[in-house]
């Protein structure tokens, strides 16, 4: 940068000196010459001055502040009009050279890594050959600093552009992607290092992605998960998870911006467990455990612990348990009581017993308990906001059978493993990103 500023100063001084010399020559010229020149027109006077070219074959420019470029140099043909090459030096040390056809459209671009360890030779980073329009790639390659290949691409006979990405060895294929002439991806195949397919993605005309994920621990292609990824931030992803041999659906899921829900199935296809992660401020996790005939046995609600992440990797504390009868079909699958737990996730703070005939009206009884399990206060609600009676009791006087819990398993968190990985919404790209 200092050398560029010095060049600017030198050019300015040179122009000033040249102007003074011309002025001095005019002032000290013979009177006869003065009088004749004074009568010349401006165009004629200009013709007597030294000739300078209107355009130069090499032009240097310094980008405006905030640009990623440090300096740009353009090289022109002998006519000083036709651009043939542009050199761009970036502030991060990378240098690129863009070569142009005589019609001023780009023909080739080469990009080099910064110089390292005192070397005078730059290492090639990227090479691109353009089609006749100077925009679309005809082919391209990119390399790591050690010159192992990262990617290569070429235009196929049908107009499709195919890009191949390689593992660190620069030889083994990691993924193959195909694109339309509008640069929209049509399909992608991702491979494991042993050459077995890991994932296949097909893009529909509506922009949805249909993804098949294969098991990483199988010697051949065994389906692990199938999903459809929406273009919408709110619709998210729906999918199915398969058994070890890929023959049976063992779980279904739906994942969006506000919640992710997994439904785990029995061998007969009926639900045995569901887990719903909600992206609320509190970060609710609701786990429903089913009995064999697909009716909810109990429902656990967990709250995300402070500082924990959302979702399967998060840490949650049990807050409430809704318990249902073994056969509650007559009750419309409504719980017969809700148990509220203390922070230790063991001590029962209170128990709510709803009136099943006025369930949605909020009618019922709330029992607040001492740590000993005896009733501290009994409140009868006629609706959600109206308390019809309140009765308080000393510790050790009154136990309510409706608050007694004999099956401690309802407080244990069911074991399940979240399938994945699942797509994550990227706000900058406005898209669901799978990896």
Protein backbone atom coordinates (compact mmCIF):
# COMPACT_ATOMS: atom_id res chain seq x y z
CA UNK A 1 0.00 0.00 0.00
CA UNK A 2 2.88 2.38 0.81
CA UNK A 3 4.42 1.79 -2.65
CA UNK A 4 1.09 2.60 -4.29
CA UNK A 5 0.77 5.89 -2.38
CA UNK A 6 4.37 6.74 -3.31
CA UNK A 7 3.54 6.10 -7.00
CA UNK A 8 0.59 8.45 -6.78
CA UNK A 9 2.75 11.23 -5.28
CA UNK A 10 5.45 10.77 -7.97
CA UNK A 11 2.89 10.99 -10.79
CA UNK A 12 1.42 14.17 -9.30
CA UNK A 13 4.88 15.80 -8.94
CA UNK A 14 5.86 14.83 -12.49
CA UNK A 15 2.74 16.44 -13.91
CA UNK A 16 3.39 19.62 -11.94
CA UNK A 17 7.01 19.83 -13.11
CA UNK A 18 6.02 19.31 -16.75
CA UNK A 19 3.47 22.14 -16.54
CA UNK A 20 6.10 24.54 -15.09
CA UNK A 21 8.59 23.69 -17.84
CA UNK A 22 6.03 24.44 -20.55
CA UNK A 23 5.17 27.73 -18.83
CA UNK A 24 8.84 28.71 -18.57
CA UNK A 25 9.49 27.89 -22.22
CA UNK A 26 6.61 30.12 -23.22
CA UNK A 27 7.70 33.06 -21.03
CA UNK A 28 11.31 33.02 -22.28
CA UNK A 29 10.57 32.48 -25.95
CA UNK A 30 11.44 35.24 -28.51
CA UNK A 31 8.81 37.97 -28.85
CA UNK A 32 8.12 36.96 -32.44
CA UNK A 33 7.26 33.46 -31.29
CA UNK A 34 5.11 34.81 -28.48
CA UNK A 35 3.10 37.00 -30.69
CA UNK A 36 2.51 34.23 -33.20
CA UNK A 37 1.50 31.72 -30.52
CA UNK A 38 -0.81 34.18 -28.89
CA UNK A 39 -2.79 34.26 -32.08
CA UNK A 40 -3.15 30.47 -32.27
CA UNK A 41 -6.46 28.77 -31.50
CA UNK A 42 -6.61 26.42 -28.47
CA UNK A 43 -6.57 23.34 -30.76
CA UNK A 44 -3.55 24.63 -32.63
CA UNK A 45 -1.79 25.46 -29.38
CA UNK A 46 -2.52 21.95 -28.09
CA UNK A 47 -0.96 20.49 -31.27
CA UNK A 48 2.36 22.16 -30.37
CA UNK A 49 2.47 20.47 -26.96
CA UNK A 50 4.13 17.01 -26.46
CA UNK A 51 1.76 14.18 -27.46
CA UNK A 52 0.47 11.78 -24.76
CA UNK A 53 -1.48 8.61 -25.50
CA UNK A 54 -5.21 8.70 -24.56
CA UNK A 55 -5.05 5.10 -23.29
CA UNK A 56 -2.20 3.03 -21.91
CA UNK A 57 -1.58 -0.69 -22.38
CA UNK A 58 -1.24 -1.19 -18.63
CA UNK A 59 -3.56 0.48 -16.12
CA UNK A 60 -3.39 0.25 -12.34
CA UNK A 61 -6.26 1.12 -10.02
CA UNK A 62 -6.71 1.03 -6.27
CA UNK A 63 -10.21 -0.03 -5.11
CA UNK A 64 -12.30 2.06 -2.75
CA UNK A 65 -12.13 1.58 1.01
CA UNK A 66 -13.90 -1.55 2.24
CA UNK A 67 -13.09 -3.59 -0.85
CA UNK A 68 -11.49 -7.01 -0.50
CA UNK A 69 -9.09 -6.04 -3.30
CA UNK A 70 -5.74 -4.39 -2.69
CA UNK A 71 -4.81 -3.45 -6.25
CA UNK A 72 -6.12 -4.19 -9.73
CA UNK A 73 -4.03 -4.13 -12.91
CA UNK A 74 -5.48 -4.35 -16.43
CA UNK A 75 -3.50 -5.25 -19.54
CA UNK A 76 -4.73 -4.19 -23.00
CA UNK A 77 -3.95 -5.18 -26.56
CA UNK A 78 -1.77 -3.09 -28.86
CA UNK A 79 -4.81 -0.94 -29.68
CA UNK A 80 -4.92 0.08 -25.99
CA UNK A 81 -8.67 -0.61 -26.06
CA UNK A 82 -9.18 -4.37 -26.02
CA UNK A 83 -8.82 -5.82 -22.50
CA UNK A 84 -6.82 -9.06 -22.56
CA UNK A 85 -6.04 -9.78 -18.88
CA UNK A 86 -6.94 -8.49 -15.44
CA UNK A 87 -4.77 -9.13 -12.38
CA UNK A 88 -6.39 -8.73 -8.97
CA UNK A 89 -4.37 -8.87 -5.76
CA UNK A 90 -6.58 -9.40 -2.72
CA UNK A 91 -5.87 -8.25 0.80
CA UNK A 92 -5.73 -11.87 1.99
CA UNK A 93 -2.77 -12.48 -0.35
CA UNK A 94 -4.64 -14.42 -3.04
CA UNK A 95 -4.00 -13.30 -6.62
CA UNK A 96 -6.26 -13.98 -9.58
CA UNK A 97 -5.71 -13.58 -13.34
CA UNK A 98 -8.69 -13.31 -15.69
CA UNK A 99 -7.96 -13.73 -19.39
CA UNK A 100 -10.36 -12.25 -21.96
CA UNK A 101 -11.25 -13.04 -25.53
CA UNK A 102 -11.08 -10.33 -28.17
CA UNK A 103 -14.84 -9.86 -27.76
CA UNK A 104 -14.16 -8.73 -24.15
CA UNK A 105 -15.75 -11.84 -22.59
CA UNK A 106 -13.88 -13.93 -20.01
CA UNK A 107 -12.08 -17.00 -21.35
CA UNK A 108 -10.07 -18.31 -18.38
CA UNK A 109 -9.44 -17.51 -14.73
CA UNK A 110 -6.55 -18.69 -12.56
CA UNK A 111 -6.27 -18.05 -8.85
CA UNK A 112 -3.12 -18.50 -6.76
CA UNK A 113 -2.51 -18.93 -3.04
CA UNK A 114 -0.42 -16.30 -1.18
CA UNK A 115 3.34 -16.64 -1.18
CA UNK A 116 4.63 -18.57 1.81
CA UNK A 117 7.97 -19.18 3.53
CA UNK A 118 9.82 -16.69 1.37
CA UNK A 119 9.00 -18.53 -1.85
CA UNK A 120 8.80 -16.60 -5.12
CA UNK A 121 6.50 -19.15 -6.74
CA UNK A 122 2.76 -19.00 -6.20
CA UNK A 123 0.77 -22.23 -5.87
CA UNK A 124 -2.30 -22.66 -8.07
CA UNK A 125 -5.61 -22.55 -6.17
CA UNK A 126 -8.31 -22.51 -8.89
CA UNK A 127 -8.52 -22.74 -12.67
CA UNK A 128 -11.72 -22.02 -14.61
CA UNK A 129 -12.44 -22.17 -18.34
CA UNK A 130 -15.57 -20.27 -19.40
CA UNK A 131 -18.04 -20.96 -22.14
CA UNK A 132 -18.46 -18.49 -24.99
CA UNK A 133 -20.76 -16.28 -22.90
CA UNK A 134 -17.91 -15.61 -20.47
CA UNK A 135 -20.13 -16.48 -17.50
CA UNK A 136 -20.94 -20.21 -17.35
CA UNK A 137 -18.20 -22.69 -16.55
CA UNK A 138 -17.01 -25.04 -19.28
CA UNK A 139 -14.75 -26.71 -16.70
CA UNK A 140 -13.00 -25.95 -13.45
CA UNK A 141 -10.58 -27.38 -10.90
CA UNK A 142 -9.52 -26.31 -7.40
CA UNK A 143 -6.59 -27.48 -5.30
CA UNK A 144 -5.46 -27.40 -1.69
CA UNK A 145 -2.14 -25.71 -0.87
CA UNK A 146 -0.46 -29.13 -1.05
CA UNK A 147 -1.87 -29.43 -4.62
CA UNK A 148 -4.25 -32.29 -3.83
CA UNK A 149 -7.46 -31.88 -5.79
CA UNK A 150 -10.52 -30.46 -3.98
CA UNK A 151 -13.02 -30.24 -6.84
CA UNK A 152 -13.28 -30.68 -10.57
CA UNK A 153 -16.17 -29.97 -12.90
CA UNK A 154 -17.10 -30.11 -16.56
CA UNK A 155 -20.03 -29.39 -18.88
CA UNK A 156 -21.69 -32.56 -20.20
CA UNK A 157 -23.12 -33.06 -23.69
CA UNK A 158 -26.71 -32.52 -22.49
CA UNK A 159 -25.81 -29.15 -20.96
CA UNK A 160 -25.64 -30.45 -17.39
CA UNK A 161 -22.68 -29.30 -15.32
CA UNK A 162 -21.15 -32.00 -13.10
CA UNK A 163 -18.99 -31.22 -10.08
CA UNK A 164 -16.95 -33.84 -8.23
CA UNK A 165 -15.62 -33.20 -4.72
CA UNK A 166 -12.74 -35.31 -3.39
CA UNK A 167 -11.59 -36.50 0.01
CA UNK A 168 -8.29 -35.21 1.44
CA UNK A 169 -6.26 -37.58 -0.74
CA UNK A 170 -7.44 -35.67 -3.83
CA UNK A 171 -8.36 -38.93 -5.58
CA UNK A 172 -11.29 -40.63 -3.79
CA UNK A 173 -14.69 -39.20 -4.73
CA UNK A 174 -16.67 -37.73 -1.80
CA UNK A 175 -19.68 -36.34 -3.68
CA UNK A 176 -21.03 -35.83 -7.20
CA UNK A 177 -23.42 -32.98 -8.00
CA UNK A 178 -25.26 -32.15 -11.23
CA UNK A 179 -26.54 -28.68 -12.11
CA UNK A 180 -28.74 -27.15 -14.82
CA UNK A 181 -27.52 -24.35 -17.07
CA UNK A 182 -29.25 -22.00 -14.62
CA UNK A 183 -26.93 -23.41 -11.95
CA UNK A 184 -29.71 -25.12 -10.00
CA UNK A 185 -28.74 -28.49 -8.48
CA UNK A 186 -30.76 -31.45 -9.81
CA UNK A 187 -29.18 -34.27 -7.80
CA UNK A 188 -26.33 -35.13 -5.45
CA UNK A 189 -24.69 -38.39 -4.40
CA UNK A 190 -22.44 -38.49 -1.33
CA UNK A 191 -20.04 -41.42 -0.83
CA UNK A 192 -18.19 -42.93 2.10
CA UNK A 193 -14.44 -43.36 1.86
CA UNK A 194 -14.93 -47.03 0.98
CA UNK A 195 -16.96 -46.04 -2.08
CA UNK A 196 -20.39 -47.06 -0.73
CA UNK A 197 -23.17 -44.48 -1.11
CA UNK A 198 -23.89 -42.49 2.05
CA UNK A 199 -26.68 -40.26 0.76
CA UNK A 200 -28.61 -39.51 -2.44
CA UNK A 201 -30.57 -36.29 -3.01
CA UNK A 202 -33.05 -35.62 -5.81
CA UNK A 203 -34.47 -32.12 -6.34
CA UNK A 204 -38.07 -31.96 -7.57
CA UNK A 205 -39.47 -29.32 -9.95
CA UNK A 206 -41.08 -27.58 -6.97
CA UNK A 207 -37.67 -27.28 -5.28
CA UNK A 208 -38.20 -29.92 -2.61
CA UNK A 209 -35.30 -32.25 -1.89
CA UNK A 210 -35.98 -35.96 -1.56
CA UNK A 211 -33.14 -37.49 0.43
CA UNK A 212 -32.23 -41.11 1.05
CA UNK A 213 -29.63 -41.73 3.77
CA UNK A 214 -27.86 -45.08 3.94
CA UNK A 215 -26.50 -46.75 7.05
CA UNK A 216 -22.90 -45.86 7.82
CA UNK A 217 -22.20 -49.23 9.48
CA UNK A 218 -23.45 -51.46 6.64
CA UNK A 219 -21.17 -53.03 4.06
CA UNK A 220 -23.65 -52.23 1.28
CA UNK A 221 -26.36 -49.66 0.68
CA UNK A 222 -28.98 -50.19 3.40
CA UNK A 223 -31.63 -47.50 3.77
CA UNK A 224 -31.49 -45.75 7.13
CA UNK A 225 -33.66 -42.69 6.59
CA UNK A 226 -35.80 -41.12 3.86
CA UNK A 227 -36.83 -37.47 4.11
CA UNK A 228 -38.39 -34.66 2.13
CA UNK A 229 -36.88 -31.23 2.74
CA UNK A 230 -39.15 -28.29 1.97
CA UNK A 231 -38.02 -24.95 0.57
CA UNK A 232 -40.06 -23.21 3.27
CA UNK A 233 -38.54 -22.24 6.60
CA UNK A 234 -41.76 -23.19 8.36
CA UNK A 235 -42.66 -26.44 6.58
CA UNK A 236 -39.26 -27.95 7.33
CA UNK A 237 -38.63 -31.68 6.89
CA UNK A 238 -40.70 -34.84 7.08
CA UNK A 239 -39.32 -38.35 6.95
CA UNK A 240 -39.11 -41.97 8.03
CA UNK A 241 -36.46 -44.07 9.76
CA UNK A 242 -35.91 -47.75 8.89
CA UNK A 243 -34.83 -50.85 10.78
CA UNK A 244 -31.28 -52.22 10.65
CA UNK A 245 -31.99 -54.22 7.51
CA UNK A 246 -33.87 -51.35 5.87
CA UNK A 247 -37.09 -53.34 5.54
CA UNK A 248 -39.41 -51.75 8.11
CA UNK A 249 -40.29 -48.21 9.23
CA UNK A 250 -39.48 -47.84 12.95
CA UNK A 251 -39.98 -44.08 13.33
CA UNK A 252 -41.48 -41.05 11.62
CA UNK A 253 -40.49 -37.43 12.16
CA UNK A 254 -41.29 -33.84 11.32
CA UNK A 255 -38.86 -31.01 11.90
CA UNK A 256 -39.43 -27.29 11.38
CA UNK A 257 -38.44 -23.89 12.74
CA UNK A 258 -40.60 -24.14 15.84
CA UNK A 259 -40.54 -27.80 16.79
CA UNK A 260 -39.15 -31.24 15.98
CA UNK A 261 -41.26 -34.32 16.65
CA UNK A 262 -40.32 -38.00 16.52
CA UNK A 263 -42.86 -40.84 16.60
CA UNK A 264 -41.31 -44.23 17.38
CA UNK A 265 -43.32 -47.25 16.24
CA UNK A 266 -43.87 -50.84 17.36
CA UNK A 267 -43.45 -53.75 14.97
CA UNK A 268 -47.17 -53.52 14.13
CA UNK A 269 -46.74 -49.89 13.06
CA UNK A 270 -48.57 -48.42 16.06
CA UNK A 271 -46.89 -45.69 18.17
CA UNK A 272 -44.98 -46.68 21.30
CA UNK A 273 -43.31 -43.36 22.09
CA UNK A 274 -43.29 -39.78 20.83
CA UNK A 275 -40.84 -36.98 21.62
CA UNK A 276 -41.59 -33.37 20.72
CA UNK A 277 -38.94 -30.64 21.10
CA UNK A 278 -40.42 -27.14 21.00
CA UNK A 279 -38.26 -24.08 20.34
CA UNK A 280 -40.00 -21.87 22.89
CA UNK A 281 -38.36 -19.61 25.46
CA UNK A 282 -38.70 -22.35 28.06
CA UNK A 283 -37.76 -25.01 25.52
CA UNK A 284 -40.38 -27.66 26.19
CA UNK A 285 -39.74 -31.36 25.57
CA UNK A 286 -42.87 -33.51 25.67
CA UNK A 287 -42.58 -37.31 25.75
CA UNK A 288 -45.70 -39.40 25.31
CA UNK A 289 -45.59 -43.09 26.22
CA UNK A 290 -48.27 -45.30 24.66
CA UNK A 291 -49.87 -48.57 25.66
CA UNK A 292 -50.15 -51.38 23.12
CA UNK A 293 -53.47 -50.18 21.67
CA UNK A 294 -51.95 -46.79 20.72
CA UNK A 295 -53.45 -44.86 23.65
CA UNK A 296 -51.30 -42.50 25.72
CA UNK A 297 -50.39 -43.96 29.10
CA UNK A 298 -48.63 -40.88 30.43
CA UNK A 299 -47.17 -37.67 29.08
CA UNK A 300 -44.03 -36.05 30.50
CA UNK A 301 -43.21 -32.37 30.00
CA UNK A 302 -39.59 -31.28 30.46
CA UNK A 303 -38.15 -27.76 30.58
CA UNK A 304 -34.80 -26.90 29.02
CA UNK A 305 -32.16 -26.15 31.63
CA UNK A 306 -30.62 -22.63 31.55
CA UNK A 307 -27.75 -22.38 29.08
CA UNK A 308 -28.59 -25.65 27.36
CA UNK A 309 -29.10 -26.00 23.61
CA UNK A 310 -32.42 -26.97 22.06
CA UNK A 311 -33.17 -30.42 20.73
CA UNK A 312 -31.69 -33.87 21.18
CA UNK A 313 -28.37 -32.60 22.50
CA UNK A 314 -30.04 -30.42 25.13
CA UNK A 315 -30.41 -30.94 28.88
CA UNK A 316 -33.97 -31.00 30.25
CA UNK A 317 -35.58 -31.22 33.70
CA UNK A 318 -38.92 -32.99 34.28
CA UNK A 319 -41.65 -30.51 35.18
CA UNK A 320 -45.05 -32.23 34.94
CA UNK A 321 -46.55 -35.66 34.24
CA UNK A 322 -50.04 -36.16 32.82
CA UNK A 323 -51.28 -39.63 33.70
CA UNK A 324 -54.06 -41.41 31.82
CA UNK A 325 -56.15 -44.48 32.57
CA UNK A 326 -55.25 -47.79 30.94
CA UNK A 327 -58.34 -47.42 28.75
CA UNK A 328 -59.32 -43.77 28.51
CA UNK A 329 -61.14 -43.89 25.19
CA UNK A 330 -64.38 -42.95 26.99
CA UNK A 331 -62.64 -39.83 28.33
CA UNK A 332 -61.54 -38.69 24.91
CA UNK A 333 -57.93 -39.53 25.75
CA UNK A 334 -57.82 -36.88 28.48
CA UNK A 335 -55.51 -37.38 31.47
CA UNK A 336 -57.16 -38.07 34.83
CA UNK A 337 -54.50 -36.12 36.76
CA UNK A 338 -51.49 -33.82 36.31
CA UNK A 339 -48.54 -34.11 38.68
CA UNK A 340 -46.27 -31.08 39.25
CA UNK A 341 -42.70 -31.81 40.41
CA UNK A 342 -40.14 -29.80 42.35
CA UNK A 343 -36.75 -28.93 40.88
CA UNK A 344 -35.30 -32.21 42.14
CA UNK A 345 -37.64 -33.99 39.64
CA UNK A 346 -38.72 -36.38 42.44
CA UNK A 347 -40.69 -34.44 45.06
CA UNK A 348 -44.35 -33.87 44.14
CA UNK A 349 -45.36 -30.23 44.65
CA UNK A 350 -49.02 -30.48 43.65
CA UNK A 351 -51.57 -32.64 41.84
CA UNK A 352 -54.45 -31.38 39.67
CA UNK A 353 -57.55 -33.58 39.25
CA UNK A 354 -59.73 -32.30 36.39
CA UNK A 355 -63.47 -32.78 36.23
CA UNK A 356 -63.73 -34.92 33.09
CA UNK A 357 -67.21 -33.57 32.30
CA UNK A 358 -65.88 -29.98 32.28
CA UNK A 359 -62.27 -30.71 31.30
CA UNK A 360 -61.79 -27.82 28.87
CA UNK A 361 -63.63 -25.38 31.14
CA UNK A 362 -60.94 -25.78 33.79
CA UNK A 363 -63.16 -27.26 36.46
CA UNK A 364 -61.43 -29.52 39.01
CA UNK A 365 -59.39 -29.72 42.20
CA UNK A 366 -55.79 -28.74 42.89
CA UNK A 367 -53.94 -30.32 45.85
CA UNK A 368 -50.76 -28.64 47.06
CA UNK A 369 -48.56 -31.03 49.02
CA UNK A 370 -45.96 -30.87 51.76
CA UNK A 371 -42.63 -32.64 51.01
CA UNK A 372 -43.96 -35.40 53.26
CA UNK A 373 -46.77 -36.10 50.77
CA UNK A 374 -49.59 -34.81 53.03
CA UNK A 375 -52.00 -32.23 51.64
CA UNK A 376 -51.16 -28.59 52.49
CA UNK A 377 -53.98 -26.91 50.59
CA UNK A 378 -57.04 -28.01 48.64
CA UNK A 379 -58.45 -25.62 46.02
CA UNK A 380 -61.64 -26.30 44.10
CA UNK A 381 -61.96 -24.52 40.72
CA UNK A 382 -65.29 -23.91 39.03
CA UNK A 383 -63.40 -22.73 35.90
CA UNK A 384 -59.89 -21.68 34.90
CA UNK A 385 -59.91 -18.44 36.87
CA UNK A 386 -62.52 -18.94 39.60
CA UNK A 387 -61.78 -20.69 42.90
CA UNK A 388 -64.94 -21.78 44.66
CA UNK A 389 -63.31 -23.03 47.88
CA UNK A 390 -59.95 -23.23 49.65
CA UNK A 391 -59.05 -25.52 52.54
CA UNK A 392 -55.66 -25.61 54.30
CA UNK A 393 -54.27 -28.46 56.40
CA UNK A 394 -51.34 -28.87 58.81
CA UNK A 395 -48.59 -31.26 57.80
CA UNK A 396 -49.38 -34.87 58.72
CA UNK A 397 -53.16 -34.48 58.99
CA UNK A 398 -54.63 -35.30 55.58
CA UNK A 399 -53.64 -37.56 52.72
CA UNK A 400 -55.60 -37.60 49.48
CA UNK A 401 -55.64 -40.97 47.66
CA UNK A 402 -55.90 -39.16 44.30
CA UNK A 403 -52.42 -37.70 44.90
CA UNK A 404 -50.71 -40.98 45.74
CA UNK A 405 -48.24 -42.32 43.14
CA UNK A 406 -47.49 -46.02 43.25
CA UNK A 407 -45.83 -46.41 39.84
CA UNK A 408 -42.57 -44.45 40.03
CA UNK A 409 -41.72 -45.35 36.43
CA UNK A 410 -43.83 -42.43 35.23
CA UNK A 411 -41.04 -40.14 36.46
CA UNK A 412 -38.31 -41.90 34.50
CA UNK A 413 -37.34 -40.53 31.13
CA UNK A 414 -37.92 -42.98 28.32
CA UNK A 415 -34.82 -43.95 26.38
CA UNK A 416 -34.73 -43.10 22.72
CA UNK A 417 -32.17 -42.03 20.15
CA UNK A 418 -32.89 -39.13 17.84
CA UNK A 419 -32.37 -40.05 14.18
CA UNK A 420 -30.14 -37.77 12.21
CA UNK A 421 -28.51 -35.71 11.13
CA UNK A 422 -31.50 -33.51 10.29
CA UNK A 423 -31.38 -30.30 8.22
CA UNK A 424 -30.75 -27.00 10.01
CA UNK A 425 -32.18 -23.71 8.77
CA UNK A 426 -29.53 -21.26 7.52
CA UNK A 427 -30.92 -17.74 7.64
CA UNK A 428 -28.17 -16.26 5.44
CA UNK A 429 -28.76 -18.79 2.65
CA UNK A 430 -32.51 -18.97 3.31
CA UNK A 431 -32.34 -22.72 3.02
CA UNK A 432 -32.29 -25.95 5.06
CA UNK A 433 -28.70 -27.21 5.23
CA UNK A 434 -28.08 -30.93 5.72
CA UNK A 435 -24.31 -30.78 6.23
